[in-house]
Structure formats: C-alpha cells, structure tokens
Amino acid sequence: MAKKSKETVTTPFGRVPLTKKEKKIVKQVADNVKTINNVYSADFSSIDDTIEDIKKEVRKQGIDYYSCNNIYIILQDALKKVKLAAN
C-alpha cells in the first residue's frame, strides 16, 4: 500500500501535515494577502482596501459577545501600532 503524499507546513515544532480543510484555509489566506509594491510612497488606496476587508470580516466573524470582544481588543492593539508607525 503506497502512502499518499501529504502537503506539510513548517512550524517551530517541525513539519506538520495539513488536512483538506486546513489546505483550503491556507490557500484562501495566500490568495487574500496583498503586497505593497513601493514602500517609499504613501499609497492610501491599498490601505483603504484593507480597512474595507477588515470591516467585512468583522461583520462576518463577530457573531457573539466573545468574538466581538476579541475583535475589539485586537483592533485597539492594531490602532496603537498604527499610531506608533510614524515614530
């Protein structure tokens, strides 16, 4: 019986095989990651697009008090980091 080749991901704990569901999530995340081509000029359109994506995901993922509270904490932390970005 031949072993099926499984897709793996490298973690700090070694290489870990991925399930079908995890492969789908990794592909979705990879498709959604955007890069900024020129880091030396201010391109607010990509930042605005990211903010709109965050709004959509917050509405989709914030289904109960616990998740909304976690989202709020994460966004407050992100806001602090944005304020520190110019320093």
PDB file of N, CA and C in Angstrom:
ATOM      1  N   MET A   1       0.842  -1.176   0.000  1.00  0.00           N
ATOM      2  CA  MET A   1       0.000   0.000   0.000  1.00  0.00           C
ATOM      3  C   MET A   1       0.885   1.236   0.000  1.00  0.00           C
ATOM      4  N   ALA A   2       0.719   2.064  -1.002  1.00  0.00           N
ATOM      5  CA  ALA A   2       1.538   3.263  -1.135  1.00  0.00           C
ATOM      6  C   ALA A   2       0.977   4.382  -0.266  1.00  0.00           C
ATOM      7  N   LYS A   3       1.877   5.134   0.336  1.00  0.00           N
ATOM      8  CA  LYS A   3       1.454   6.272   1.143  1.00  0.00           C
ATOM      9  C   LYS A   3       1.110   7.436   0.232  1.00  0.00           C
ATOM     10  N   LYS A   4       0.059   8.148   0.578  1.00  0.00           N
ATOM     11  CA  LYS A   4      -0.313   9.341  -0.173  1.00  0.00           C
ATOM     12  C   LYS A   4       0.608  10.479   0.250  1.00  0.00           C
ATOM     13  N   SER A   5       1.066  11.243  -0.724  1.00  0.00           N
ATOM     14  CA  SER A   5       1.904  12.388  -0.381  1.00  0.00           C
ATOM     15  C   SER A   5       1.011  13.480   0.189  1.00  0.00           C
ATOM     16  N   LYS A   6       1.360  13.945   1.349  1.00  0.00           N
ATOM     17  CA  LYS A   6       0.566  14.960   2.031  1.00  0.00           C
ATOM     18  C   LYS A   6       1.307  16.282   2.014  1.00  0.00           C
ATOM     19  N   GLU A   7       0.547  17.327   1.900  1.00  0.00           N
ATOM     20  CA  GLU A   7       1.130  18.664   1.980  1.00  0.00           C
ATOM     21  C   GLU A   7       1.437  18.954   3.439  1.00  0.00           C
ATOM     22  N   THR A   8       2.604  19.517   3.690  1.00  0.00           N
ATOM     23  CA  THR A   8       3.004  19.827   5.057  1.00  0.00           C
ATOM     24  C   THR A   8       3.350  21.302   5.160  1.00  0.00           C
ATOM     25  N   VAL A   9       3.346  21.770   6.389  1.00  0.00           N
ATOM     26  CA  VAL A   9       3.739  23.143   6.671  1.00  0.00           C
ATOM     27  C   VAL A   9       4.810  23.095   7.762  1.00  0.00           C
ATOM     28  N   THR A  10       5.789  23.994   7.648  1.00  0.00           N
ATOM     29  CA  THR A  10       6.862  24.037   8.629  1.00  0.00           C
ATOM     30  C   THR A  10       6.462  24.954   9.776  1.00  0.00           C
ATOM     31  N   THR A  11       6.553  24.432  10.989  1.00  0.00           N
ATOM     32  CA  THR A  11       6.240  25.197  12.191  1.00  0.00           C
ATOM     33  C   THR A  11       7.468  25.199  13.095  1.00  0.00           C
ATOM     34  N   PRO A  12       7.443  25.970  14.169  1.00  0.00           N
ATOM     35  CA  PRO A  12       8.572  25.924  15.105  1.00  0.00           C
ATOM     36  C   PRO A  12       8.756  24.543  15.735  1.00  0.00           C
ATOM     37  N   PHE A  13       7.724  23.700  15.650  1.00  0.00           N
ATOM     38  CA  PHE A  13       7.776  22.369  16.249  1.00  0.00           C
ATOM     39  C   PHE A  13       8.116  21.291  15.238  1.00  0.00           C
ATOM     40  N   GLY A  14       8.396  21.666  14.002  1.00  0.00           N
ATOM     41  CA  GLY A  14       8.714  20.708  12.951  1.00  0.00           C
ATOM     42  C   GLY A  14       7.699  20.785  11.826  1.00  0.00           C
ATOM     43  N   ARG A  15       7.759  19.804  10.920  1.00  0.00           N
ATOM     44  CA  ARG A  15       6.848  19.769   9.788  1.00  0.00           C
ATOM     45  C   ARG A  15       5.570  19.047  10.199  1.00  0.00           C
ATOM     46  N   VAL A  16       4.421  19.664   9.879  1.00  0.00           N
ATOM     47  CA  VAL A  16       3.123  19.136  10.280  1.00  0.00           C
ATOM     48  C   VAL A  16       2.274  18.927   9.020  1.00  0.00           C
ATOM     49  N   PRO A  17       1.662  17.733   8.858  1.00  0.00           N
ATOM     50  CA  PRO A  17       0.795  17.519   7.693  1.00  0.00           C
ATOM     51  C   PRO A  17      -0.508  18.303   7.827  1.00  0.00           C
ATOM     52  N   LEU A  18      -1.048  18.746   6.691  1.00  0.00           N
ATOM     53  CA  LEU A  18      -2.282  19.522   6.674  1.00  0.00           C
ATOM     54  C   LEU A  18      -3.455  18.647   6.265  1.00  0.00           C
ATOM     55  N   THR A  19      -4.612  18.916   6.854  1.00  0.00           N
ATOM     56  CA  THR A  19      -5.834  18.244   6.437  1.00  0.00           C
ATOM     57  C   THR A  19      -6.412  18.979   5.240  1.00  0.00           C
ATOM     58  N   LYS A  20      -7.444  18.421   4.625  1.00  0.00           N
ATOM     59  CA  LYS A  20      -8.071  19.067   3.467  1.00  0.00           C
ATOM     60  C   LYS A  20      -8.627  20.433   3.838  1.00  0.00           C
ATOM     61  N   LYS A  21      -9.255  20.533   5.023  1.00  0.00           N
ATOM     62  CA  LYS A  21      -9.833  21.805   5.458  1.00  0.00           C
ATOM     63  C   LYS A  21      -8.734  22.841   5.677  1.00  0.00           C
ATOM     64  N   GLU A  22      -7.634  22.425   6.270  1.00  0.00           N
ATOM     65  CA  GLU A  22      -6.527  23.348   6.524  1.00  0.00           C
ATOM     66  C   GLU A  22      -5.890  23.805   5.218  1.00  0.00           C
ATOM     67  N   LYS A  23      -5.782  22.905   4.231  1.00  0.00           N
ATOM     68  CA  LYS A  23      -5.231  23.283   2.926  1.00  0.00           C
ATOM     69  C   LYS A  23      -6.079  24.369   2.285  1.00  0.00           C
ATOM     70  N   LYS A  24      -7.404  24.231   2.410  1.00  0.00           N
ATOM     71  CA  LYS A  24      -8.314  25.211   1.833  1.00  0.00           C
ATOM     72  C   LYS A  24      -8.126  26.574   2.498  1.00  0.00           C
ATOM     73  N   ILE A  25      -7.992  26.586   3.830  1.00  0.00           N
ATOM     74  CA  ILE A  25      -7.807  27.833   4.578  1.00  0.00           C
ATOM     75  C   ILE A  25      -6.478  28.476   4.208  1.00  0.00           C
ATOM     76  N   VAL A  26      -5.407  27.672   4.095  1.00  0.00           N
ATOM     77  CA  VAL A  26      -4.091  28.210   3.730  1.00  0.00           C
ATOM     78  C   VAL A  26      -4.153  28.836   2.343  1.00  0.00           C
ATOM     79  N   LYS A  27      -4.861  28.193   1.414  1.00  0.00           N
ATOM     80  CA  LYS A  27      -4.992  28.733   0.061  1.00  0.00           C
ATOM     81  C   LYS A  27      -5.771  30.047   0.080  1.00  0.00           C
ATOM     82  N   GLN A  28      -6.854  30.116   0.873  1.00  0.00           N
ATOM     83  CA  GLN A  28      -7.641  31.344   0.959  1.00  0.00           C
ATOM     84  C   GLN A  28      -6.808  32.485   1.519  1.00  0.00           C
ATOM     85  N   VAL A  29      -6.033  32.208   2.555  1.00  0.00           N
ATOM     86  CA  VAL A  29      -5.198  33.243   3.166  1.00  0.00           C
ATOM     87  C   VAL A  29      -4.135  33.704   2.179  1.00  0.00           C
ATOM     88  N   ALA A  30      -3.518  32.762   1.470  1.00  0.00           N
ATOM     89  CA  ALA A  30      -2.488  33.117   0.495  1.00  0.00           C
ATOM     90  C   ALA A  30      -3.071  33.960  -0.635  1.00  0.00           C
ATOM     91  N   ASP A  31      -4.300  33.673  -1.040  1.00  0.00           N
ATOM     92  CA  ASP A  31      -4.947  34.444  -2.098  1.00  0.00           C
ATOM     93  C   ASP A  31      -5.296  35.852  -1.640  1.00  0.00           C
ATOM     94  N   ASN A  32      -5.585  36.029  -0.361  1.00  0.00           N
ATOM     95  CA  ASN A  32      -6.020  37.321   0.162  1.00  0.00           C
ATOM     96  C   ASN A  32      -4.870  38.236   0.566  1.00  0.00           C
ATOM     97  N   VAL A  33      -3.650  37.702   0.660  1.00  0.00           N
ATOM     98  CA  VAL A  33      -2.513  38.507   1.080  1.00  0.00           C
ATOM     99  C   VAL A  33      -2.102  39.418  -0.073  1.00  0.00           C
ATOM    100  N   LYS A  34      -2.068  40.721   0.209  1.00  0.00           N
ATOM    101  CA  LYS A  34      -1.670  41.706  -0.787  1.00  0.00           C
ATOM    102  C   LYS A  34      -0.333  42.290  -0.381  1.00  0.00           C
ATOM    103  N   THR A  35       0.458  42.628  -1.368  1.00  0.00           N
ATOM    104  CA  THR A  35       1.743  43.250  -1.077  1.00  0.00           C
ATOM    105  C   THR A  35       1.739  44.667  -1.636  1.00  0.00           C
ATOM    106  N   ILE A  36       2.502  45.519  -0.990  1.00  0.00           N
ATOM    107  CA  ILE A  36       2.648  46.901  -1.441  1.00  0.00           C
ATOM    108  C   ILE A  36       3.926  46.960  -2.261  1.00  0.00           C
ATOM    109  N   ASN A  37       3.825  47.425  -3.491  1.00  0.00           N
ATOM    110  CA  ASN A  37       4.969  47.428  -4.397  1.00  0.00           C
ATOM    111  C   ASN A  37       6.006  48.476  -4.029  1.00  0.00           C
ATOM    112  N   ASN A  38       5.577  49.682  -3.701  1.00  0.00           N
ATOM    113  CA  ASN A  38       6.500  50.758  -3.410  1.00  0.00           C
ATOM    114  C   ASN A  38       6.306  51.200  -1.962  1.00  0.00           C
ATOM    115  N   VAL A  39       7.257  50.886  -1.114  1.00  0.00           N
ATOM    116  CA  VAL A  39       7.124  51.213   0.305  1.00  0.00           C
ATOM    117  C   VAL A  39       7.570  52.634   0.625  1.00  0.00           C
ATOM    118  N   TYR A  40       8.122  53.339  -0.370  1.00  0.00           N
ATOM    119  CA  TYR A  40       8.638  54.682  -0.127  1.00  0.00           C
ATOM    120  C   TYR A  40       7.640  55.791  -0.448  1.00  0.00           C
ATOM    121  N   SER A  41       6.485  55.432  -1.002  1.00  0.00           N
ATOM    122  CA  SER A  41       5.463  56.447  -1.263  1.00  0.00           C
ATOM    123  C   SER A  41       4.167  56.012  -0.586  1.00  0.00           C
ATOM    124  N   ALA A  42       3.415  56.995  -0.149  1.00  0.00           N
ATOM    125  CA  ALA A  42       2.168  56.700   0.546  1.00  0.00           C
ATOM    126  C   ALA A  42       1.099  56.315  -0.467  1.00  0.00           C
ATOM    127  N   ASP A  43       0.639  55.063  -0.397  1.00  0.00           N
ATOM    128  CA  ASP A  43      -0.421  54.585  -1.285  1.00  0.00           C
ATOM    129  C   ASP A  43      -1.611  54.231  -0.400  1.00  0.00           C
ATOM    130  N   PHE A  44      -2.489  55.214  -0.204  1.00  0.00           N
ATOM    131  CA  PHE A  44      -3.595  55.019   0.714  1.00  0.00           C
ATOM    132  C   PHE A  44      -4.698  54.134   0.144  1.00  0.00           C
ATOM    133  N   SER A  45      -4.702  53.902  -1.152  1.00  0.00           N
ATOM    134  CA  SER A  45      -5.762  53.075  -1.737  1.00  0.00           C
ATOM    135  C   SER A  45      -5.658  51.633  -1.243  1.00  0.00           C
ATOM    136  N   SER A  46      -4.445  51.101  -1.144  1.00  0.00           N
ATOM    137  CA  SER A  46      -4.309  49.727  -0.645  1.00  0.00           C
ATOM    138  C   SER A  46      -4.640  49.659   0.843  1.00  0.00           C
ATOM    139  N   ILE A  47      -4.328  50.712   1.578  1.00  0.00           N
ATOM    140  CA  ILE A  47      -4.678  50.754   2.999  1.00  0.00           C
ATOM    141  C   ILE A  47      -6.194  50.830   3.166  1.00  0.00           C
ATOM    142  N   ASP A  48      -6.842  51.656   2.355  1.00  0.00           N
ATOM    143  CA  ASP A  48      -8.296  51.765   2.404  1.00  0.00           C
ATOM    144  C   ASP A  48      -8.974  50.445   2.028  1.00  0.00           C
ATOM    145  N   ASP A  49      -8.417  49.742   1.034  1.00  0.00           N
ATOM    146  CA  ASP A  49      -8.955  48.432   0.650  1.00  0.00           C
ATOM    147  C   ASP A  49      -8.837  47.442   1.807  1.00  0.00           C
ATOM    148  N   THR A  50      -7.709  47.495   2.510  1.00  0.00           N
ATOM    149  CA  THR A  50      -7.511  46.605   3.649  1.00  0.00           C
ATOM    150  C   THR A  50      -8.502  46.917   4.762  1.00  0.00           C
ATOM    151  N   ILE A  51      -8.755  48.187   5.007  1.00  0.00           N
ATOM    152  CA  ILE A  51      -9.717  48.581   6.032  1.00  0.00           C
ATOM    153  C   ILE A  51     -11.113  48.084   5.668  1.00  0.00           C
ATOM    154  N   GLU A  52     -11.475  48.175   4.401  1.00  0.00           N
ATOM    155  CA  GLU A  52     -12.779  47.661   3.954  1.00  0.00           C
ATOM    156  C   GLU A  52     -12.862  46.155   4.126  1.00  0.00           C
ATOM    157  N   ASP A  53     -11.765  45.439   3.830  1.00  0.00           N
ATOM    158  CA  ASP A  53     -11.742  43.988   4.036  1.00  0.00           C
ATOM    159  C   ASP A  53     -11.904  43.646   5.514  1.00  0.00           C
ATOM    160  N   ILE A  54     -11.269  44.439   6.377  1.00  0.00           N
ATOM    161  CA  ILE A  54     -11.388  44.220   7.822  1.00  0.00           C
ATOM    162  C   ILE A  54     -12.825  44.430   8.263  1.00  0.00           C
ATOM    163  N   LYS A  55     -13.485  45.469   7.763  1.00  0.00           N
ATOM    164  CA  LYS A  55     -14.891  45.720   8.114  1.00  0.00           C
ATOM    165  C   LYS A  55     -15.771  44.536   7.745  1.00  0.00           C
ATOM    166  N   LYS A  56     -15.559  44.001   6.535  1.00  0.00           N
ATOM    167  CA  LYS A  56     -16.366  42.863   6.084  1.00  0.00           C
ATOM    168  C   LYS A  56     -16.141  41.635   6.958  1.00  0.00           C
ATOM    169  N   GLU A  57     -14.876  41.359   7.285  1.00  0.00           N
ATOM    170  CA  GLU A  57     -14.569  40.195   8.113  1.00  0.00           C
ATOM    171  C   GLU A  57     -15.097  40.352   9.532  1.00  0.00           C
ATOM    172  N   VAL A  58     -15.051  41.573  10.072  1.00  0.00           N
ATOM    173  CA  VAL A  58     -15.575  41.815  11.417  1.00  0.00           C
ATOM    174  C   VAL A  58     -17.062  41.504  11.462  1.00  0.00           C
ATOM    175  N   ARG A  59     -17.785  41.943  10.435  1.00  0.00           N
ATOM    176  CA  ARG A  59     -19.236  41.668  10.386  1.00  0.00           C
ATOM    177  C   ARG A  59     -19.503  40.167  10.262  1.00  0.00           C
ATOM    178  N   LYS A  60     -18.631  39.472   9.517  1.00  0.00           N
ATOM    179  CA  LYS A  60     -18.829  38.043   9.297  1.00  0.00           C
ATOM    180  C   LYS A  60     -18.444  37.221  10.535  1.00  0.00           C
ATOM    181  N   GLN A  61     -17.346  37.594  11.199  1.00  0.00           N
ATOM    182  CA  GLN A  61     -16.822  36.794  12.305  1.00  0.00           C
ATOM    183  C   GLN A  61     -17.388  37.190  13.668  1.00  0.00           C
ATOM    184  N   GLY A  62     -17.873  38.409  13.802  1.00  0.00           N
ATOM    185  CA  GLY A  62     -18.373  38.870  15.092  1.00  0.00           C
ATOM    186  C   GLY A  62     -19.796  38.401  15.330  1.00  0.00           C
ATOM    187  N   ILE A  63     -19.947  37.139  15.714  1.00  0.00           N
ATOM    188  CA  ILE A  63     -21.283  36.544  15.824  1.00  0.00           C
ATOM    189  C   ILE A  63     -21.799  36.475  17.256  1.00  0.00           C
ATOM    190  N   ASP A  64     -20.919  36.667  18.229  1.00  0.00           N
ATOM    191  CA  ASP A  64     -21.374  36.651  19.617  1.00  0.00           C
ATOM    192  C   ASP A  64     -20.518  37.615  20.443  1.00  0.00           C
ATOM    193  N   TYR A  65     -20.842  37.745  21.700  1.00  0.00           N
ATOM    194  CA  TYR A  65     -20.155  38.701  22.577  1.00  0.00           C
ATOM    195  C   TYR A  65     -18.667  38.397  22.666  1.00  0.00           C
ATOM    196  N   TYR A  66     -18.323  37.110  22.810  1.00  0.00           N
ATOM    197  CA  TYR A  66     -16.923  36.713  22.994  1.00  0.00           C
ATOM    198  C   TYR A  66     -16.085  37.092  21.780  1.00  0.00           C
ATOM    199  N   SER A  67     -16.566  36.767  20.574  1.00  0.00           N
ATOM    200  CA  SER A  67     -15.791  37.074  19.377  1.00  0.00           C
ATOM    201  C   SER A  67     -15.726  38.587  19.142  1.00  0.00           C
ATOM    202  N   CYS A  68     -16.815  39.298  19.414  1.00  0.00           N
ATOM    203  CA  CYS A  68     -16.798  40.764  19.257  1.00  0.00           C
ATOM    204  C   CYS A  68     -15.826  41.409  20.233  1.00  0.00           C
ATOM    205  N   ASN A  69     -15.765  40.896  21.436  1.00  0.00           N
ATOM    206  CA  ASN A  69     -14.825  41.417  22.423  1.00  0.00           C
ATOM    207  C   ASN A  69     -13.387  41.171  21.978  1.00  0.00           C
ATOM    208  N   ASN A  70     -13.104  39.975  21.458  1.00  0.00           N
ATOM    209  CA  ASN A  70     -11.755  39.674  20.965  1.00  0.00           C
ATOM    210  C   ASN A  70     -11.394  40.565  19.786  1.00  0.00           C
ATOM    211  N   ILE A  71     -12.332  40.759  18.873  1.00  0.00           N
ATOM    212  CA  ILE A  71     -12.093  41.628  17.719  1.00  0.00           C
ATOM    213  C   ILE A  71     -11.791  43.043  18.189  1.00  0.00           C
ATOM    214  N   TYR A  72     -12.542  43.537  19.161  1.00  0.00           N
ATOM    215  CA  TYR A  72     -12.331  44.883  19.697  1.00  0.00           C
ATOM    216  C   TYR A  72     -10.925  45.017  20.284  1.00  0.00           C
ATOM    217  N   ILE A  73     -10.499  44.034  21.044  1.00  0.00           N
ATOM    218  CA  ILE A  73      -9.169  44.075  21.670  1.00  0.00           C
ATOM    219  C   ILE A  73      -8.080  44.074  20.599  1.00  0.00           C
ATOM    220  N   ILE A  74      -8.233  43.221  19.589  1.00  0.00           N
ATOM    221  CA  ILE A  74      -7.248  43.138  18.511  1.00  0.00           C
ATOM    222  C   ILE A  74      -7.171  44.458  17.750  1.00  0.00           C
ATOM    223  N   LEU A  75      -8.327  45.056  17.450  1.00  0.00           N
ATOM    224  CA  LEU A  75      -8.337  46.312  16.695  1.00  0.00           C
ATOM    225  C   LEU A  75      -7.784  47.469  17.514  1.00  0.00           C
ATOM    226  N   GLN A  76      -8.031  47.483  18.809  1.00  0.00           N
ATOM    227  CA  GLN A  76      -7.453  48.531  19.654  1.00  0.00           C
ATOM    228  C   GLN A  76      -5.931  48.414  19.681  1.00  0.00           C
ATOM    229  N   ASP A  77      -5.428  47.186  19.738  1.00  0.00           N
ATOM    230  CA  ASP A  77      -3.988  46.960  19.702  1.00  0.00           C
ATOM    231  C   ASP A  77      -3.410  47.396  18.353  1.00  0.00           C
ATOM    232  N   ALA A  78      -4.123  47.083  17.272  1.00  0.00           N
ATOM    233  CA  ALA A  78      -3.677  47.495  15.936  1.00  0.00           C
ATOM    234  C   ALA A  78      -3.655  49.012  15.823  1.00  0.00           C
ATOM    235  N   LEU A  79      -4.645  49.677  16.394  1.00  0.00           N
ATOM    236  CA  LEU A  79      -4.688  51.142  16.361  1.00  0.00           C
ATOM    237  C   LEU A  79      -3.487  51.744  17.087  1.00  0.00           C
ATOM    238  N   LYS A  80      -3.107  51.171  18.216  1.00  0.00           N
ATOM    239  CA  LYS A  80      -1.927  51.644  18.943  1.00  0.00           C
ATOM    240  C   LYS A  80      -0.682  51.503  18.078  1.00  0.00           C
ATOM    241  N   LYS A  81      -0.573  50.377  17.358  1.00  0.00           N
ATOM    242  CA  LYS A  81       0.592  50.157  16.499  1.00  0.00           C
ATOM    243  C   LYS A  81       0.612  51.100  15.316  1.00  0.00           C
ATOM    244  N   VAL A  82      -0.563  51.423  14.779  1.00  0.00           N
ATOM    245  CA  VAL A  82      -0.635  52.379  13.673  1.00  0.00           C
ATOM    246  C   VAL A  82      -0.178  53.750  14.142  1.00  0.00           C
ATOM    247  N   LYS A  83      -0.568  54.140  15.348  1.00  0.00           N
ATOM    248  CA  LYS A  83      -0.150  55.436  15.886  1.00  0.00           C
ATOM    249  C   LYS A  83       1.358  55.489  16.101  1.00  0.00           C
ATOM    250  N   LEU A  84       1.964  54.330  16.414  1.00  0.00           N
ATOM    251  CA  LEU A  84       3.405  54.271  16.622  1.00  0.00           C
ATOM    252  C   LEU A  84       4.194  54.123  15.335  1.00  0.00           C
ATOM    253  N   ALA A  85       3.514  53.875  14.219  1.00  0.00           N
ATOM    254  CA  ALA A  85       4.194  53.582  12.953  1.00  0.00           C
ATOM    255  C   ALA A  85       5.035  54.750  12.455  1.00  0.00           C
ATOM    256  N   ALA A  86       4.639  55.968  12.737  1.00  0.00           N
ATOM    257  CA  ALA A  86       5.384  57.132  12.246  1.00  0.00           C
ATOM    258  C   ALA A  86       6.632  57.417  13.082  1.00  0.00           C
ATOM    259  N   ASN A  87       6.726  56.833  14.240  1.00  0.00           N
ATOM    260  CA  ASN A  87       7.867  57.102  15.137  1.00  0.00           C
ATOM    261  C   ASN A  87       9.070  56.287  14.783  1.00  0.00           C
TER     262      ASN A  87
END
